Amino acid sequence: MGLKRYKLGDLLEVTRGQSLAGEFYAEEGKYIRLTLGNFDYANGGFKPNTSKTNLYYTGPIKEQFILEEGDIITPLTEQTPGLLGSTARIPVSGTYIQSQDVALVRCKDGMLDPAFCYYLLPSSSVKKQLAAGAQQTKIRHTSPDKIKDVVVDIPDISEQRRIGQLLDAITHKIELNRSINQNLVSQTTLRLLVCSIRLP
C-alpha cells in the first residue's frame, strides 16, 4: 500500500461555526447548539450533552450552520487535554447548530473518503501536530487554518474507502457490545433493587 503526503487543506474544507448570543439560549426549542460536551472523549464519537439545560437556541440562524446527518465535526477549543483532533458525526439532520467552538469538516470528492477522514483526524500523528500548533493558553485553541496545515500520509481513495468501511464496521460492533453491556448492568441493578425491597 503506497502512501502519499498531503496537507489536510489539500484534502478537505474546515469551517468555523456561528457565534451564538447567550441571550437566545433556552431550555426548549427547535434547534440545539453544539458544544464541546457533544464529543465523547472517552469512547469517541457523538454524545448528547447532559451537562447543561440551556442547550436550545432561539435566535436567528444562518441555514449553512444547521447540520445534516453524517456531517463530521471537530473541536476548535480544548477544555480537556487531548480533545483537539476528536471527531463526531451528527446523528440527525436539521436539529444541531454548529457553534463557533466547533468546526465542520467536508472532504473533497475523490481526494479523501469521509469515513477514512473520521478516523484520520483523531490519529496520534494529527493530534500531536494540532497540540504543537495550538495557542498556549489555559484552554488551548486551534483554527480551521491550523487544521488544514496538518501533514498526513494517506493511501489512494479506493484503499481509504476499504479502510473506512472496515473501521466503521468495527466501531458499530463496539457500540453494539457497549449497549448490550450497559443494558445488562441496568437489568442487574434493577434485579438487585427489587430483591432488596422484597427482603424483610
Protein backbone atom coordinates (compact mmCIF):
# COMPACT_ATOMS: atom_id res chain seq x y z
CA MET A 1 0.00 0.00 0.00
CA GLY A 2 1.67 3.20 -1.17
CA LEU A 3 1.21 6.37 0.84
CA LYS A 4 1.28 9.94 -0.41
CA ARG A 5 1.92 13.04 1.69
CA TYR A 6 -0.56 15.91 1.75
CA LYS A 7 -1.57 18.87 3.84
CA LEU A 8 -5.11 18.38 5.10
CA GLY A 9 -6.05 21.61 3.32
CA ASP A 10 -5.48 19.80 0.02
CA LEU A 11 -8.00 17.16 1.04
CA LEU A 12 -10.77 18.89 2.95
CA GLU A 13 -12.52 22.11 3.88
CA VAL A 14 -12.76 23.22 7.51
CA THR A 15 -15.19 25.95 8.57
CA ARG A 16 -15.93 27.60 11.91
CA GLY A 17 -19.48 27.72 13.26
CA GLN A 18 -21.77 30.63 14.03
CA SER A 19 -21.27 32.92 17.01
CA LEU A 20 -24.39 32.35 19.13
CA ALA A 21 -25.56 35.08 21.50
CA GLY A 22 -26.20 33.87 25.05
CA GLU A 23 -29.42 35.87 25.30
CA PHE A 24 -31.04 33.31 22.97
CA TYR A 25 -30.02 30.21 24.94
CA ALA A 26 -33.15 28.36 26.09
CA GLU A 27 -34.30 25.17 27.81
CA GLU A 28 -36.57 24.24 24.92
CA GLY A 29 -36.87 24.98 21.24
CA LYS A 30 -36.35 23.58 17.75
CA TYR A 31 -32.57 23.79 17.43
CA ILE A 32 -29.81 22.50 19.73
CA ARG A 33 -26.46 24.26 19.80
CA LEU A 34 -23.41 22.04 19.56
CA THR A 35 -20.85 22.30 22.36
CA LEU A 36 -17.62 20.56 23.30
CA GLY A 37 -19.82 18.35 25.50
CA ASN A 38 -21.08 16.63 22.34
CA PHE A 39 -17.70 14.94 21.82
CA ASP A 40 -17.43 11.58 23.59
CA TYR A 41 -13.82 11.96 24.68
CA ALA A 42 -13.65 8.55 26.42
CA ASN A 43 -15.11 6.39 23.63
CA GLY A 44 -15.02 8.63 20.58
CA GLY A 45 -17.94 9.88 18.51
CA PHE A 46 -21.04 11.93 19.28
CA LYS A 47 -22.91 12.05 22.57
CA PRO A 48 -25.81 14.13 23.83
CA ASN A 49 -24.65 16.92 26.14
CA THR A 50 -26.28 16.26 29.51
CA SER A 51 -24.19 18.76 31.48
CA LYS A 52 -26.34 21.78 30.56
CA THR A 53 -30.05 22.54 30.36
CA ASN A 54 -29.98 25.68 28.17
CA LEU A 55 -28.77 23.94 25.01
CA TYR A 56 -31.55 25.16 22.72
CA TYR A 57 -31.08 28.29 20.63
CA THR A 58 -33.98 30.55 19.65
CA GLY A 59 -32.12 33.37 17.92
CA PRO A 60 -31.53 33.97 14.20
CA ILE A 61 -29.56 31.18 12.50
CA LYS A 62 -27.88 31.06 9.11
CA GLU A 63 -29.01 27.96 7.24
CA GLN A 64 -25.41 26.88 6.50
CA PHE A 65 -24.88 26.24 10.22
CA ILE A 66 -27.80 23.80 10.59
CA LEU A 67 -26.02 20.48 10.14
CA GLU A 68 -27.03 17.28 8.37
CA GLU A 69 -26.88 13.66 9.46
CA GLY A 70 -23.38 12.28 8.93
CA ASP A 71 -21.63 15.67 8.92
CA ILE A 72 -18.21 15.41 10.58
CA ILE A 73 -17.33 17.90 13.31
CA THR A 74 -14.15 18.54 15.32
CA PRO A 75 -13.49 20.88 18.26
CA LEU A 76 -11.59 24.15 17.95
CA THR A 77 -11.21 24.53 21.72
CA GLU A 78 -9.64 22.07 24.14
CA GLN A 79 -11.34 22.03 27.54
CA THR A 80 -9.99 18.52 28.20
CA PRO A 81 -6.37 17.65 27.33
CA GLY A 82 -6.25 15.72 24.06
CA LEU A 83 -9.67 16.87 22.85
CA LEU A 84 -8.27 18.61 19.76
CA GLY A 85 -8.49 16.25 16.79
CA SER A 86 -11.50 14.40 18.17
CA THR A 87 -14.34 13.77 15.73
CA ALA A 88 -18.08 13.17 15.91
CA ARG A 89 -20.80 12.59 13.34
CA ILE A 90 -24.09 14.47 13.51
CA PRO A 91 -26.81 11.88 14.31
CA VAL A 92 -29.85 13.59 12.72
CA SER A 93 -30.49 16.31 10.15
CA GLY A 94 -31.98 19.73 10.88
CA THR A 95 -31.53 19.73 14.66
CA TYR A 96 -27.99 20.75 15.58
CA ILE A 97 -26.44 24.21 15.09
CA GLN A 98 -22.71 24.50 14.52
CA SER A 99 -21.35 26.93 17.12
CA GLN A 100 -18.06 28.83 16.92
CA ASP A 101 -16.09 26.32 19.05
CA VAL A 102 -16.91 23.53 16.59
CA ALA A 103 -15.54 23.09 13.07
CA LEU A 104 -17.35 21.39 10.21
CA VAL A 105 -15.15 19.12 8.09
CA ARG A 106 -16.05 18.47 4.44
CA CYS A 107 -13.92 16.11 2.33
CA LYS A 108 -13.02 16.98 -1.25
CA ASP A 109 -14.53 14.47 -3.69
CA GLY A 110 -12.06 11.93 -4.97
CA MET A 111 -9.37 13.08 -2.55
CA LEU A 112 -10.47 11.98 0.91
CA ASP A 113 -13.09 9.42 1.90
CA PRO A 114 -15.35 10.76 4.70
CA ALA A 115 -15.24 7.55 6.76
CA PHE A 116 -11.45 7.41 6.47
CA CYS A 117 -11.27 11.11 7.43
CA TYR A 118 -13.40 10.46 10.52
CA TYR A 119 -10.70 8.12 11.86
CA LEU A 120 -7.72 10.03 10.44
CA LEU A 121 -8.27 13.24 12.42
CA PRO A 122 -8.13 11.55 15.87
CA SER A 123 -4.93 9.67 14.94
CA SER A 124 -1.91 10.28 17.17
CA SER A 125 0.00 11.98 14.34
CA VAL A 126 -2.74 14.54 13.69
CA LYS A 127 -3.39 15.14 17.40
CA LYS A 128 0.32 15.77 18.06
CA GLN A 129 0.51 18.33 15.27
CA LEU A 130 -2.63 20.09 16.48
CA ALA A 131 -1.32 20.15 20.05
CA ALA A 132 2.02 21.57 18.89
CA GLY A 133 0.31 24.33 16.89
CA ALA A 134 -2.37 25.20 19.47
CA GLN A 135 -2.36 28.58 21.17
CA GLN A 136 -0.76 28.04 24.56
CA THR A 137 -3.33 29.47 26.94
CA LYS A 138 -5.06 27.87 29.93
CA ILE A 139 -7.61 26.48 27.46
CA ARG A 140 -5.88 25.76 24.16
CA HIS A 141 -7.39 26.68 20.81
CA THR A 142 -6.83 25.73 17.20
CA SER A 143 -8.31 27.14 13.99
CA PRO A 144 -9.50 25.90 10.59
CA ASP A 145 -6.24 27.11 9.03
CA LYS A 146 -4.11 25.24 11.56
CA ILE A 147 -6.08 22.07 10.95
CA LYS A 148 -5.55 22.48 7.21
CA ASP A 149 -1.78 22.87 7.79
CA VAL A 150 -1.50 19.39 9.34
CA VAL A 151 0.54 16.96 7.23
CA VAL A 152 -0.70 13.39 6.69
CA ASP A 153 0.43 10.32 4.76
CA ILE A 154 -2.54 8.50 3.22
CA PRO A 155 -3.29 5.78 0.65
CA ASP A 156 -5.28 6.26 -2.56
CA ILE A 157 -9.03 6.80 -2.43
CA SER A 158 -10.00 3.17 -3.07
CA GLU A 159 -7.85 1.99 -0.17
CA GLN A 160 -9.23 4.79 2.00
CA ARG A 161 -12.77 3.57 1.31
CA ARG A 162 -11.84 -0.01 2.20
CA ILE A 163 -10.20 1.09 5.47
CA GLY A 164 -13.06 3.46 6.32
CA GLN A 165 -15.67 0.73 5.82
CA LEU A 166 -13.68 -1.71 7.95
CA LEU A 167 -13.24 0.78 10.78
CA ASP A 168 -16.93 1.71 10.64
CA ALA A 169 -17.88 -1.96 10.94
CA ILE A 170 -15.57 -2.39 13.95
CA THR A 171 -16.92 0.78 15.58
CA HIS A 172 -20.51 -0.38 15.07
CA LYS A 173 -19.67 -3.73 16.71
CA ILE A 174 -18.02 -1.99 19.67
CA GLU A 175 -21.02 0.34 20.12
CA LEU A 176 -23.40 -2.63 19.95
CA ASN A 177 -21.40 -4.54 22.57
CA ARG A 178 -21.23 -1.45 24.79
CA SER A 179 -25.01 -1.03 24.54
CA ILE A 180 -25.57 -4.70 25.42
CA ASN A 181 -23.24 -4.41 28.43
CA GLN A 182 -24.99 -1.25 29.65
CA ASN A 183 -28.37 -2.98 29.38
CA LEU A 184 -27.05 -5.96 31.33
CA VAL A 185 -25.73 -3.67 34.06
CA SER A 186 -29.07 -1.84 34.21
CA GLN A 187 -31.03 -5.10 34.41
CA THR A 188 -28.72 -6.47 37.12
CA THR A 189 -29.04 -3.27 39.14
CA LEU A 190 -32.84 -3.40 38.82
CA ARG A 191 -32.95 -7.04 39.95
CA LEU A 192 -30.78 -6.28 42.96
CA LEU A 193 -33.02 -3.34 43.84
CA VAL A 194 -36.16 -5.48 43.57
CA CYS A 195 -34.58 -8.23 45.69
CA SER A 196 -33.55 -5.71 48.37
CA ILE A 197 -37.11 -4.36 48.51
CA ARG A 198 -38.52 -7.86 48.99
CA LEU A 199 -36.10 -8.75 51.79
CA PRO A 200 -37.54 -8.41 55.32
